[in-house]
Amino acid sequence: MPLIRLSATTSLLTAVAAGALLVGCSASVSVEKSTPRLSADKLATTVAEKLAATTGQAKPDITCPDALEGKVDTTTRCKLTADDGSTLGVTVTVTGVDGNKINFDVKADNTPTPAPS
């Protein structure tokens, strides 16, 4: 039987799809504004760092189209893109706000979307 090697990002997608992140992970970020708001770029960086720490894999390519508003239960969607072009949706949900600190959970979808043909 031939040995198949997966890239670190593909392994991450496989681990996520297998349920490694079904329980999600949490993060806290302090922002320096009177109304807590986390820019889309800072959110993407923080989500990538949390997913890497949770899975023990390299930091994935994450993009978040919208900033995260610091209101409890606010959600936004980000996207993890693997080296092969397949993607995995990631939901970010605000769990609490303490002054300028936004606490949020990160949960990856169960199934990746294949790369476009």
PDB file of N, CA and C in Angstrom:
ATOM      1  N   MET A   1       0.851  -1.171   0.000  1.00  0.00           N
ATOM      2  CA  MET A   1       0.000   0.000   0.000  1.00  0.00           C
ATOM      3  C   MET A   1       0.896   1.234   0.000  1.00  0.00           C
ATOM      4  N   PRO A   2       0.703   2.189  -0.917  1.00  0.00           N
ATOM      5  CA  PRO A   2       1.561   3.356  -0.998  1.00  0.00           C
ATOM      6  C   PRO A   2       1.337   4.290   0.186  1.00  0.00           C
ATOM      7  N   LEU A   3       2.395   4.962   0.590  1.00  0.00           N
ATOM      8  CA  LEU A   3       2.341   5.923   1.679  1.00  0.00           C
ATOM      9  C   LEU A   3       1.977   7.274   1.087  1.00  0.00           C
ATOM     10  N   ILE A   4       0.969   7.917   1.636  1.00  0.00           N
ATOM     11  CA  ILE A   4       0.534   9.221   1.149  1.00  0.00           C
ATOM     12  C   ILE A   4       0.924  10.250   2.190  1.00  0.00           C
ATOM     13  N   ARG A   5       1.600  11.307   1.761  1.00  0.00           N
ATOM     14  CA  ARG A   5       2.007  12.370   2.671  1.00  0.00           C
ATOM     15  C   ARG A   5       1.112  13.583   2.438  1.00  0.00           C
ATOM     16  N   LEU A   6       0.649  14.159   3.525  1.00  0.00           N
ATOM     17  CA  LEU A   6      -0.196  15.342   3.447  1.00  0.00           C
ATOM     18  C   LEU A   6       0.603  16.551   3.885  1.00  0.00           C
ATOM     19  N   SER A   7       0.325  17.692   3.278  1.00  0.00           N
ATOM     20  CA  SER A   7       0.976  18.921   3.725  1.00  0.00           C
ATOM     21  C   SER A   7       0.432  19.285   5.098  1.00  0.00           C
ATOM     22  N   ALA A   8       1.123  20.161   5.803  1.00  0.00           N
ATOM     23  CA  ALA A   8       0.683  20.586   7.139  1.00  0.00           C
ATOM     24  C   ALA A   8      -0.704  21.205   7.073  1.00  0.00           C
ATOM     25  N   THR A   9      -0.975  22.009   6.038  1.00  0.00           N
ATOM     26  CA  THR A   9      -2.275  22.649   5.928  1.00  0.00           C
ATOM     27  C   THR A   9      -3.350  21.625   5.621  1.00  0.00           C
ATOM     28  N   THR A  10      -3.060  20.681   4.740  1.00  0.00           N
ATOM     29  CA  THR A  10      -4.032  19.624   4.451  1.00  0.00           C
ATOM     30  C   THR A  10      -4.285  18.801   5.699  1.00  0.00           C
ATOM     31  N   SER A  11      -3.233  18.539   6.469  1.00  0.00           N
ATOM     32  CA  SER A  11      -3.412  17.816   7.723  1.00  0.00           C
ATOM     33  C   SER A  11      -4.304  18.594   8.670  1.00  0.00           C
ATOM     34  N   LEU A  12      -4.139  19.911   8.686  1.00  0.00           N
ATOM     35  CA  LEU A  12      -4.983  20.747   9.533  1.00  0.00           C
ATOM     36  C   LEU A  12      -6.432  20.617   9.102  1.00  0.00           C
ATOM     37  N   LEU A  13      -6.677  20.701   7.798  1.00  0.00           N
ATOM     38  CA  LEU A  13      -8.047  20.559   7.314  1.00  0.00           C
ATOM     39  C   LEU A  13      -8.607  19.194   7.671  1.00  0.00           C
ATOM     40  N   THR A  14      -7.797  18.166   7.530  1.00  0.00           N
ATOM     41  CA  THR A  14      -8.234  16.821   7.871  1.00  0.00           C
ATOM     42  C   THR A  14      -8.551  16.721   9.355  1.00  0.00           C
ATOM     43  N   ALA A  15      -7.689  17.286  10.192  1.00  0.00           N
ATOM     44  CA  ALA A  15      -7.915  17.251  11.641  1.00  0.00           C
ATOM     45  C   ALA A  15      -9.182  18.004  12.001  1.00  0.00           C
ATOM     46  N   VAL A  16      -9.386  19.152  11.374  1.00  0.00           N
ATOM     47  CA  VAL A  16     -10.582  19.934  11.656  1.00  0.00           C
ATOM     48  C   VAL A  16     -11.810  19.173  11.197  1.00  0.00           C
ATOM     49  N   ALA A  17     -11.746  18.624   9.986  1.00  0.00           N
ATOM     50  CA  ALA A  17     -12.891  17.883   9.459  1.00  0.00           C
ATOM     51  C   ALA A  17     -13.187  16.659  10.311  1.00  0.00           C
ATOM     52  N   ALA A  18     -12.167  16.082  10.908  1.00  0.00           N
ATOM     53  CA  ALA A  18     -12.355  14.898  11.749  1.00  0.00           C
ATOM     54  C   ALA A  18     -12.892  15.247  13.121  1.00  0.00           C
ATOM     55  N   GLY A  19     -12.973  16.531  13.422  1.00  0.00           N
ATOM     56  CA  GLY A  19     -13.574  16.920  14.691  1.00  0.00           C
ATOM     57  C   GLY A  19     -12.611  17.449  15.727  1.00  0.00           C
ATOM     58  N   ALA A  20     -11.365  17.662  15.365  1.00  0.00           N
ATOM     59  CA  ALA A  20     -10.397  18.133  16.346  1.00  0.00           C
ATOM     60  C   ALA A  20     -10.770  19.494  16.905  1.00  0.00           C
ATOM     61  N   LEU A  21     -11.462  20.316  16.120  1.00  0.00           N
ATOM     62  CA  LEU A  21     -11.824  21.644  16.596  1.00  0.00           C
ATOM     63  C   LEU A  21     -13.329  21.812  16.785  1.00  0.00           C
ATOM     64  N   LEU A  22     -14.046  20.728  16.852  1.00  0.00           N
ATOM     65  CA  LEU A  22     -15.493  20.842  16.996  1.00  0.00           C
ATOM     66  C   LEU A  22     -15.881  21.593  18.259  1.00  0.00           C
ATOM     67  N   VAL A  23     -15.101  21.444  19.300  1.00  0.00           N
ATOM     68  CA  VAL A  23     -15.403  22.161  20.527  1.00  0.00           C
ATOM     69  C   VAL A  23     -14.947  23.605  20.430  1.00  0.00           C
ATOM     70  N   GLY A  24     -14.163  23.941  19.429  1.00  0.00           N
ATOM     71  CA  GLY A  24     -13.703  25.298  19.223  1.00  0.00           C
ATOM     72  C   GLY A  24     -12.574  25.668  20.153  1.00  0.00           C
ATOM     73  N   CYS A  25     -12.173  26.910  20.084  1.00  0.00           N
ATOM     74  CA  CYS A  25     -11.160  27.433  20.979  1.00  0.00           C
ATOM     75  C   CYS A  25     -11.539  28.861  21.300  1.00  0.00           C
ATOM     76  N   SER A  26     -10.930  29.418  22.302  1.00  0.00           N
ATOM     77  CA  SER A  26     -11.268  30.756  22.739  1.00  0.00           C
ATOM     78  C   SER A  26     -10.067  31.666  22.642  1.00  0.00           C
ATOM     79  N   ALA A  27     -10.337  32.954  22.518  1.00  0.00           N
ATOM     80  CA  ALA A  27      -9.269  33.941  22.471  1.00  0.00           C
ATOM     81  C   ALA A  27      -9.764  35.223  23.109  1.00  0.00           C
ATOM     82  N   SER A  28      -8.845  36.036  23.532  1.00  0.00           N
ATOM     83  CA  SER A  28      -9.142  37.365  24.046  1.00  0.00           C
ATOM     84  C   SER A  28      -8.188  38.331  23.376  1.00  0.00           C
ATOM     85  N   VAL A  29      -8.715  39.465  22.980  1.00  0.00           N
ATOM     86  CA  VAL A  29      -7.896  40.479  22.344  1.00  0.00           C
ATOM     87  C   VAL A  29      -8.285  41.830  22.909  1.00  0.00           C
ATOM     88  N   SER A  30      -7.305  42.627  23.285  1.00  0.00           N
ATOM     89  CA  SER A  30      -7.570  43.983  23.739  1.00  0.00           C
ATOM     90  C   SER A  30      -7.485  44.928  22.553  1.00  0.00           C
ATOM     91  N   VAL A  31      -8.431  45.825  22.466  1.00  0.00           N
ATOM     92  CA  VAL A  31      -8.436  46.819  21.412  1.00  0.00           C
ATOM     93  C   VAL A  31      -8.424  48.198  22.068  1.00  0.00           C
ATOM     94  N   GLU A  32      -7.873  49.160  21.366  1.00  0.00           N
ATOM     95  CA  GLU A  32      -7.708  50.473  21.959  1.00  0.00           C
ATOM     96  C   GLU A  32      -8.672  51.487  21.354  1.00  0.00           C
ATOM     97  N   LYS A  33      -9.940  51.282  21.566  1.00  0.00           N
ATOM     98  CA  LYS A  33     -10.968  52.204  21.107  1.00  0.00           C
ATOM     99  C   LYS A  33     -12.054  52.247  22.167  1.00  0.00           C
ATOM    100  N   SER A  34     -12.835  53.332  22.174  1.00  0.00           N
ATOM    101  CA  SER A  34     -13.912  53.433  23.147  1.00  0.00           C
ATOM    102  C   SER A  34     -15.001  52.393  22.872  1.00  0.00           C
ATOM    103  N   THR A  35     -15.266  52.106  21.607  1.00  0.00           N
ATOM    104  CA  THR A  35     -16.180  51.037  21.240  1.00  0.00           C
ATOM    105  C   THR A  35     -15.326  49.873  20.777  1.00  0.00           C
ATOM    106  N   PRO A  36     -15.331  48.768  21.532  1.00  0.00           N
ATOM    107  CA  PRO A  36     -14.462  47.653  21.138  1.00  0.00           C
ATOM    108  C   PRO A  36     -14.791  47.146  19.740  1.00  0.00           C
ATOM    109  N   ARG A  37     -13.780  47.077  18.915  1.00  0.00           N
ATOM    110  CA  ARG A  37     -13.912  46.586  17.548  1.00  0.00           C
ATOM    111  C   ARG A  37     -12.541  46.060  17.144  1.00  0.00           C
ATOM    112  N   LEU A  38     -12.528  44.884  16.592  1.00  0.00           N
ATOM    113  CA  LEU A  38     -11.289  44.253  16.179  1.00  0.00           C
ATOM    114  C   LEU A  38     -11.247  44.246  14.653  1.00  0.00           C
ATOM    115  N   SER A  39     -10.193  44.819  14.075  1.00  0.00           N
ATOM    116  CA  SER A  39     -10.106  44.896  12.614  1.00  0.00           C
ATOM    117  C   SER A  39     -10.093  43.487  12.014  1.00  0.00           C
ATOM    118  N   ALA A  40     -10.492  43.401  10.763  1.00  0.00           N
ATOM    119  CA  ALA A  40     -10.522  42.108  10.062  1.00  0.00           C
ATOM    120  C   ALA A  40      -9.128  41.487  10.008  1.00  0.00           C
ATOM    121  N   ASP A  41      -8.093  42.300   9.770  1.00  0.00           N
ATOM    122  CA  ASP A  41      -6.725  41.774   9.702  1.00  0.00           C
ATOM    123  C   ASP A  41      -6.254  41.234  11.045  1.00  0.00           C
ATOM    124  N   LYS A  42      -6.504  41.977  12.116  1.00  0.00           N
ATOM    125  CA  LYS A  42      -6.093  41.535  13.458  1.00  0.00           C
ATOM    126  C   LYS A  42      -6.874  40.277  13.854  1.00  0.00           C
ATOM    127  N   LEU A  43      -8.153  40.228  13.498  1.00  0.00           N
ATOM    128  CA  LEU A  43      -8.969  39.048  13.781  1.00  0.00           C
ATOM    129  C   LEU A  43      -8.407  37.832  13.064  1.00  0.00           C
ATOM    130  N   ALA A  44      -8.076  37.974  11.781  1.00  0.00           N
ATOM    131  CA  ALA A  44      -7.523  36.858  10.997  1.00  0.00           C
ATOM    132  C   ALA A  44      -6.226  36.354  11.611  1.00  0.00           C
ATOM    133  N   THR A  45      -5.366  37.262  12.031  1.00  0.00           N
ATOM    134  CA  THR A  45      -4.093  36.874  12.648  1.00  0.00           C
ATOM    135  C   THR A  45      -4.328  36.128  13.952  1.00  0.00           C
ATOM    136  N   THR A  46      -5.227  36.633  14.777  1.00  0.00           N
ATOM    137  CA  THR A  46      -5.510  35.997  16.067  1.00  0.00           C
ATOM    138  C   THR A  46      -6.141  34.626  15.882  1.00  0.00           C
ATOM    139  N   VAL A  47      -7.079  34.493  14.959  1.00  0.00           N
ATOM    140  CA  VAL A  47      -7.717  33.202  14.683  1.00  0.00           C
ATOM    141  C   VAL A  47      -6.672  32.200  14.183  1.00  0.00           C
ATOM    142  N   ALA A  48      -5.796  32.620  13.278  1.00  0.00           N
ATOM    143  CA  ALA A  48      -4.749  31.729  12.760  1.00  0.00           C
ATOM    144  C   ALA A  48      -3.835  31.255  13.886  1.00  0.00           C
ATOM    145  N   GLU A  49      -3.453  32.164  14.777  1.00  0.00           N
ATOM    146  CA  GLU A  49      -2.596  31.801  15.909  1.00  0.00           C
ATOM    147  C   GLU A  49      -3.290  30.808  16.836  1.00  0.00           C
ATOM    148  N   LYS A  50      -4.574  31.032  17.111  1.00  0.00           N
ATOM    149  CA  LYS A  50      -5.323  30.119  17.992  1.00  0.00           C
ATOM    150  C   LYS A  50      -5.475  28.744  17.355  1.00  0.00           C
ATOM    151  N   LEU A  51      -5.782  28.684  16.065  1.00  0.00           N
ATOM    152  CA  LEU A  51      -5.922  27.392  15.402  1.00  0.00           C
ATOM    153  C   LEU A  51      -4.584  26.644  15.376  1.00  0.00           C
ATOM    154  N   ALA A  52      -3.504  27.361  15.127  1.00  0.00           N
ATOM    155  CA  ALA A  52      -2.178  26.725  15.123  1.00  0.00           C
ATOM    156  C   ALA A  52      -1.848  26.173  16.504  1.00  0.00           C
ATOM    157  N   ALA A  53      -2.136  26.951  17.535  1.00  0.00           N
ATOM    158  CA  ALA A  53      -1.852  26.497  18.905  1.00  0.00           C
ATOM    159  C   ALA A  53      -2.718  25.294  19.278  1.00  0.00           C
ATOM    160  N   THR A  54      -3.957  25.292  18.833  1.00  0.00           N
ATOM    161  CA  THR A  54      -4.878  24.201  19.160  1.00  0.00           C
ATOM    162  C   THR A  54      -4.503  22.906  18.456  1.00  0.00           C
ATOM    163  N   THR A  55      -4.064  23.005  17.200  1.00  0.00           N
ATOM    164  CA  THR A  55      -3.785  21.807  16.410  1.00  0.00           C
ATOM    165  C   THR A  55      -2.322  21.382  16.435  1.00  0.00           C
ATOM    166  N   GLY A  56      -1.431  22.278  16.851  1.00  0.00           N
ATOM    167  CA  GLY A  56      -0.005  21.965  16.820  1.00  0.00           C
ATOM    168  C   GLY A  56       0.563  22.020  15.406  1.00  0.00           C
ATOM    169  N   GLN A  57      -0.178  22.605  14.480  1.00  0.00           N
ATOM    170  CA  GLN A  57       0.241  22.730  13.078  1.00  0.00           C
ATOM    171  C   GLN A  57       0.764  24.147  12.831  1.00  0.00           C
ATOM    172  N   ALA A  58       1.308  24.365  11.660  1.00  0.00           N
ATOM    173  CA  ALA A  58       1.750  25.703  11.261  1.00  0.00           C
ATOM    174  C   ALA A  58       0.545  26.636  11.177  1.00  0.00           C
ATOM    175  N   LYS A  59       0.789  27.920  11.313  1.00  0.00           N
ATOM    176  CA  LYS A  59      -0.281  28.912  11.256  1.00  0.00           C
ATOM    177  C   LYS A  59      -0.933  28.869   9.876  1.00  0.00           C
ATOM    178  N   PRO A  60      -2.253  28.638   9.826  1.00  0.00           N
ATOM    179  CA  PRO A  60      -2.948  28.547   8.536  1.00  0.00           C
ATOM    180  C   PRO A  60      -3.215  29.926   7.930  1.00  0.00           C
ATOM    181  N   ASP A  61      -3.562  29.925   6.647  1.00  0.00           N
ATOM    182  CA  ASP A  61      -3.941  31.150   5.940  1.00  0.00           C
ATOM    183  C   ASP A  61      -5.410  31.425   6.240  1.00  0.00           C
ATOM    184  N   ILE A  62      -5.653  32.447   7.047  1.00  0.00           N
ATOM    185  CA  ILE A  62      -7.011  32.822   7.433  1.00  0.00           C
ATOM    186  C   ILE A  62      -7.317  34.210   6.893  1.00  0.00           C
ATOM    187  N   THR A  63      -8.509  34.383   6.339  1.00  0.00           N
ATOM    188  CA  THR A  63      -8.978  35.709   5.944  1.00  0.00           C
ATOM    189  C   THR A  63     -10.329  35.947   6.598  1.00  0.00           C
ATOM    190  N   CYS A  64     -10.514  37.159   7.072  1.00  0.00           N
ATOM    191  CA  CYS A  64     -11.785  37.567   7.674  1.00  0.00           C
ATOM    192  C   CYS A  64     -12.237  38.823   6.932  1.00  0.00           C
ATOM    193  N   PRO A  65     -13.397  38.793   6.296  1.00  0.00           N
ATOM    194  CA  PRO A  65     -13.838  39.936   5.495  1.00  0.00           C
ATOM    195  C   PRO A  65     -14.330  41.118   6.321  1.00  0.00           C
ATOM    196  N   ASP A  66     -14.712  40.867   7.570  1.00  0.00           N
ATOM    197  CA  ASP A  66     -15.306  41.925   8.386  1.00  0.00           C
ATOM    198  C   ASP A  66     -14.599  42.064   9.724  1.00  0.00           C
ATOM    199  N   ALA A  67     -14.657  43.264  10.275  1.00  0.00           N
ATOM    200  CA  ALA A  67     -14.174  43.499  11.634  1.00  0.00           C
ATOM    201  C   ALA A  67     -15.139  42.812  12.601  1.00  0.00           C
ATOM    202  N   LEU A  68     -14.663  42.574  13.823  1.00  0.00           N
ATOM    203  CA  LEU A  68     -15.496  41.950  14.846  1.00  0.00           C
ATOM    204  C   LEU A  68     -15.922  43.016  15.837  1.00  0.00           C
ATOM    205  N   GLU A  69     -17.220  43.226  15.955  1.00  0.00           N
ATOM    206  CA  GLU A  69     -17.761  44.204  16.886  1.00  0.00           C
ATOM    207  C   GLU A  69     -17.853  43.587  18.270  1.00  0.00           C
ATOM    208  N   GLY A  70     -17.458  44.331  19.278  1.00  0.00           N
ATOM    209  CA  GLY A  70     -17.428  43.838  20.646  1.00  0.00           C
ATOM    210  C   GLY A  70     -18.774  43.830  21.334  1.00  0.00           C
ATOM    211  N   LYS A  71     -19.694  43.037  20.839  1.00  0.00           N
ATOM    212  CA  LYS A  71     -21.008  42.835  21.465  1.00  0.00           C
ATOM    213  C   LYS A  71     -21.190  41.339  21.643  1.00  0.00           C
ATOM    214  N   VAL A  72     -21.604  40.932  22.834  1.00  0.00           N
ATOM    215  CA  VAL A  72     -21.800  39.511  23.124  1.00  0.00           C
ATOM    216  C   VAL A  72     -22.758  38.907  22.107  1.00  0.00           C
ATOM    217  N   ASP A  73     -22.418  37.715  21.641  1.00  0.00           N
ATOM    218  CA  ASP A  73     -23.170  36.926  20.656  1.00  0.00           C
ATOM    219  C   ASP A  73     -23.024  37.419  19.217  1.00  0.00           C
ATOM    220  N   THR A  74     -22.227  38.459  18.980  1.00  0.00           N
ATOM    221  CA  THR A  74     -21.947  38.881  17.616  1.00  0.00           C
ATOM    222  C   THR A  74     -21.086  37.804  16.960  1.00  0.00           C
ATOM    223  N   THR A  75     -21.393  37.467  15.712  1.00  0.00           N
ATOM    224  CA  THR A  75     -20.597  36.470  14.996  1.00  0.00           C
ATOM    225  C   THR A  75     -20.102  37.051  13.681  1.00  0.00           C
ATOM    226  N   THR A  76     -19.020  36.476  13.206  1.00  0.00           N
ATOM    227  CA  THR A  76     -18.521  36.772  11.871  1.00  0.00           C
ATOM    228  C   THR A  76     -17.926  35.487  11.326  1.00  0.00           C
ATOM    229  N   ARG A  77     -17.786  35.422  10.029  1.00  0.00           N
ATOM    230  CA  ARG A  77     -17.231  34.239   9.375  1.00  0.00           C
ATOM    231  C   ARG A  77     -15.875  34.576   8.776  1.00  0.00           C
ATOM    232  N   CYS A  78     -14.948  33.683   8.982  1.00  0.00           N
ATOM    233  CA  CYS A  78     -13.619  33.774   8.380  1.00  0.00           C
ATOM    234  C   CYS A  78     -13.429  32.532   7.519  1.00  0.00           C
ATOM    235  N   LYS A  79     -12.334  32.514   6.756  1.00  0.00           N
ATOM    236  CA  LYS A  79     -12.084  31.384   5.865  1.00  0.00           C
ATOM    237  C   LYS A  79     -10.633  30.943   5.985  1.00  0.00           C
ATOM    238  N   LEU A  80     -10.443  29.644   6.165  1.00  0.00           N
ATOM    239  CA  LEU A  80      -9.119  29.034   6.146  1.00  0.00           C
ATOM    240  C   LEU A  80      -8.914  28.485   4.740  1.00  0.00           C
ATOM    241  N   THR A  81      -7.791  28.843   4.107  1.00  0.00           N
ATOM    242  CA  THR A  81      -7.481  28.347   2.769  1.00  0.00           C
ATOM    243  C   THR A  81      -6.227  27.488   2.841  1.00  0.00           C
ATOM    244  N   ALA A  82      -6.343  26.259   2.371  1.00  0.00           N
ATOM    245  CA  ALA A  82      -5.216  25.319   2.362  1.00  0.00           C
ATOM    246  C   ALA A  82      -4.342  25.557   1.138  1.00  0.00           C
ATOM    247  N   ASP A  83      -3.149  24.975   1.154  1.00  0.00           N
ATOM    248  CA  ASP A  83      -2.210  25.099   0.034  1.00  0.00           C
ATOM    249  C   ASP A  83      -2.807  24.591  -1.267  1.00  0.00           C
ATOM    250  N   ASP A  84      -3.696  23.598  -1.186  1.00  0.00           N
ATOM    251  CA  ASP A  84      -4.285  23.031  -2.404  1.00  0.00           C
ATOM    252  C   ASP A  84      -5.507  23.822  -2.892  1.00  0.00           C
ATOM    253  N   GLY A  85      -5.853  24.919  -2.191  1.00  0.00           N
ATOM    254  CA  GLY A  85      -6.974  25.757  -2.595  1.00  0.00           C
ATOM    255  C   GLY A  85      -8.290  25.399  -1.948  1.00  0.00           C
ATOM    256  N   SER A  86      -8.349  24.280  -1.234  1.00  0.00           N
ATOM    257  CA  SER A  86      -9.583  23.946  -0.526  1.00  0.00           C
ATOM    258  C   SER A  86      -9.750  24.924   0.641  1.00  0.00           C
ATOM    259  N   THR A  87     -10.991  25.110   1.081  1.00  0.00           N
ATOM    260  CA  THR A  87     -11.274  26.081   2.127  1.00  0.00           C
ATOM    261  C   THR A  87     -12.112  25.457   3.233  1.00  0.00           C
ATOM    262  N   LEU A  88     -12.075  26.107   4.379  1.00  0.00           N
ATOM    263  CA  LEU A  88     -12.851  25.678   5.524  1.00  0.00           C
ATOM    264  C   LEU A  88     -13.376  26.924   6.208  1.00  0.00           C
ATOM    265  N   GLY A  89     -14.680  26.975   6.430  1.00  0.00           N
ATOM    266  CA  GLY A  89     -15.276  28.114   7.114  1.00  0.00           C
ATOM    267  C   GLY A  89     -14.976  28.071   8.602  1.00  0.00           C
ATOM    268  N   VAL A  90     -14.830  29.252   9.191  1.00  0.00           N
ATOM    269  CA  VAL A  90     -14.557  29.388  10.612  1.00  0.00           C
ATOM    270  C   VAL A  90     -15.501  30.456  11.165  1.00  0.00           C
ATOM    271  N   THR A  91     -16.244  30.105  12.215  1.00  0.00           N
ATOM    272  CA  THR A  91     -17.156  31.045  12.847  1.00  0.00           C
ATOM    273  C   THR A  91     -16.514  31.603  14.108  1.00  0.00           C
ATOM    274  N   VAL A  92     -16.553  32.916  14.252  1.00  0.00           N
ATOM    275  CA  VAL A  92     -16.032  33.596  15.426  1.00  0.00           C
ATOM    276  C   VAL A  92     -17.221  34.226  16.137  1.00  0.00           C
ATOM    277  N   THR A  93     -17.376  33.913  17.445  1.00  0.00           N
ATOM    278  CA  THR A  93     -18.503  34.413  18.228  1.00  0.00           C
ATOM    279  C   THR A  93     -17.991  35.119  19.476  1.00  0.00           C
ATOM    280  N   VAL A  94     -18.440  36.350  19.679  1.00  0.00           N
ATOM    281  CA  VAL A  94     -18.055  37.118  20.866  1.00  0.00           C
ATOM    282  C   VAL A  94     -18.756  36.509  22.078  1.00  0.00           C
ATOM    283  N   THR A  95     -17.944  36.150  23.086  1.00  0.00           N
ATOM    284  CA  THR A  95     -18.485  35.555  24.314  1.00  0.00           C
ATOM    285  C   THR A  95     -18.522  36.536  25.471  1.00  0.00           C
ATOM    286  N   GLY A  96     -17.779  37.625  25.365  1.00  0.00           N
ATOM    287  CA  GLY A  96     -17.779  38.612  26.429  1.00  0.00           C
ATOM    288  C   GLY A  96     -16.941  39.817  26.047  1.00  0.00           C
ATOM    289  N   VAL A  97     -17.225  40.923  26.720  1.00  0.00           N
ATOM    290  CA  VAL A  97     -16.470  42.157  26.515  1.00  0.00           C
ATOM    291  C   VAL A  97     -16.185  42.727  27.889  1.00  0.00           C
ATOM    292  N   ASP A  98     -14.920  43.019  28.139  1.00  0.00           N
ATOM    293  CA  ASP A  98     -14.506  43.589  29.419  1.00  0.00           C
ATOM    294  C   ASP A  98     -13.707  44.844  29.131  1.00  0.00           C
ATOM    295  N   GLY A  99     -14.371  45.992  29.154  1.00  0.00           N
ATOM    296  CA  GLY A  99     -13.703  47.239  28.792  1.00  0.00           C
ATOM    297  C   GLY A  99     -13.331  47.220  27.331  1.00  0.00           C
ATOM    298  N   ASN A 100     -12.018  47.220  27.049  1.00  0.00           N
ATOM    299  CA  ASN A 100     -11.569  47.186  25.660  1.00  0.00           C
ATOM    300  C   ASN A 100     -11.134  45.796  25.224  1.00  0.00           C
ATOM    301  N   LYS A 101     -11.429  44.794  26.028  1.00  0.00           N
ATOM    302  CA  LYS A 101     -11.027  43.419  25.736  1.00  0.00           C
ATOM    303  C   LYS A 101     -12.230  42.628  25.207  1.00  0.00           C
ATOM    304  N   ILE A 102     -12.048  42.044  24.007  1.00  0.00           N
ATOM    305  CA  ILE A 102     -13.095  41.226  23.390  1.00  0.00           C
ATOM    306  C   ILE A 102     -12.705  39.764  23.548  1.00  0.00           C
ATOM    307  N   ASN A 103     -13.563  38.982  24.175  1.00  0.00           N
ATOM    308  CA  ASN A 103     -13.356  37.534  24.298  1.00  0.00           C
ATOM    309  C   ASN A 103     -14.224  36.856  23.244  1.00  0.00           C
ATOM    310  N   PHE A 104     -13.640  35.861  22.568  1.00  0.00           N
ATOM    311  CA  PHE A 104     -14.424  35.182  21.539  1.00  0.00           C
ATOM    312  C   PHE A 104     -14.012  33.729  21.404  1.00  0.00           C
ATOM    313  N   ASP A 105     -14.951  32.931  20.886  1.00  0.00           N
ATOM    314  CA  ASP A 105     -14.723  31.527  20.578  1.00  0.00           C
ATOM    315  C   ASP A 105     -14.554  31.387  19.073  1.00  0.00           C
ATOM    316  N   VAL A 106     -13.786  30.367  18.693  1.00  0.00           N
ATOM    317  CA  VAL A 106     -13.539  30.069  17.285  1.00  0.00           C
ATOM    318  C   VAL A 106     -13.973  28.635  17.039  1.00  0.00           C
ATOM    319  N   LYS A 107     -14.813  28.421  16.025  1.00  0.00           N
ATOM    320  CA  LYS A 107     -15.261  27.068  15.693  1.00  0.00           C
ATOM    321  C   LYS A 107     -15.174  26.861  14.187  1.00  0.00           C
ATOM    322  N   ALA A 108     -14.428  25.840  13.797  1.00  0.00           N
ATOM    323  CA  ALA A 108     -14.296  25.508  12.377  1.00  0.00           C
ATOM    324  C   ALA A 108     -15.463  24.642  11.928  1.00  0.00           C
ATOM    325  N   ASP A 109     -15.832  24.778  10.661  1.00  0.00           N
ATOM    326  CA  ASP A 109     -16.871  23.932  10.078  1.00  0.00           C
ATOM    327  C   ASP A 109     -16.403  22.481  10.077  1.00  0.00           C
ATOM    328  N   ASN A 110     -17.340  21.577   9.943  1.00  0.00           N
ATOM    329  CA  ASN A 110     -17.026  20.154   9.924  1.00  0.00           C
ATOM    330  C   ASN A 110     -16.433  19.675   8.608  1.00  0.00           C
ATOM    331  N   THR A 111     -16.818  20.315   7.493  1.00  0.00           N
ATOM    332  CA  THR A 111     -16.426  19.815   6.182  1.00  0.00           C
ATOM    333  C   THR A 111     -15.782  20.911   5.344  1.00  0.00           C
ATOM    334  N   PRO A 112     -14.597  20.655   4.779  1.00  0.00           N
ATOM    335  CA  PRO A 112     -13.970  21.632   3.899  1.00  0.00           C
ATOM    336  C   PRO A 112     -14.643  21.669   2.528  1.00  0.00           C
ATOM    337  N   THR A 113     -14.461  22.781   1.840  1.00  0.00           N
ATOM    338  CA  THR A 113     -14.931  22.927   0.474  1.00  0.00           C
ATOM    339  C   THR A 113     -13.754  22.629  -0.450  1.00  0.00           C
ATOM    340  N   PRO A 114     -13.918  21.716  -1.399  1.00  0.00           N
ATOM    341  CA  PRO A 114     -12.799  21.377  -2.301  1.00  0.00           C
ATOM    342  C   PRO A 114     -12.342  22.595  -3.101  1.00  0.00           C
ATOM    343  N   ALA A 115     -11.105  22.543  -3.547  1.00  0.00           N
ATOM    344  CA  ALA A 115     -10.552  23.589  -4.399  1.00  0.00           C
ATOM    345  C   ALA A 115     -11.326  23.649  -5.700  1.00  0.00           C
ATOM    346  N   PRO A 116     -11.464  24.861  -6.267  1.00  0.00           N
ATOM    347  CA  PRO A 116     -12.137  24.961  -7.561  1.00  0.00           C
ATOM    348  C   PRO A 116     -11.358  24.212  -8.640  1.00  0.00           C
ATOM    349  N   SER A 117     -12.076  23.646  -9.559  1.00  0.00           N
ATOM    350  CA  SER A 117     -11.434  22.860 -10.642  1.00  0.00           C
ATOM    351  C   SER A 117     -10.839  23.756 -11.681  1.00  0.00           C
TER     352      SER A 117
END
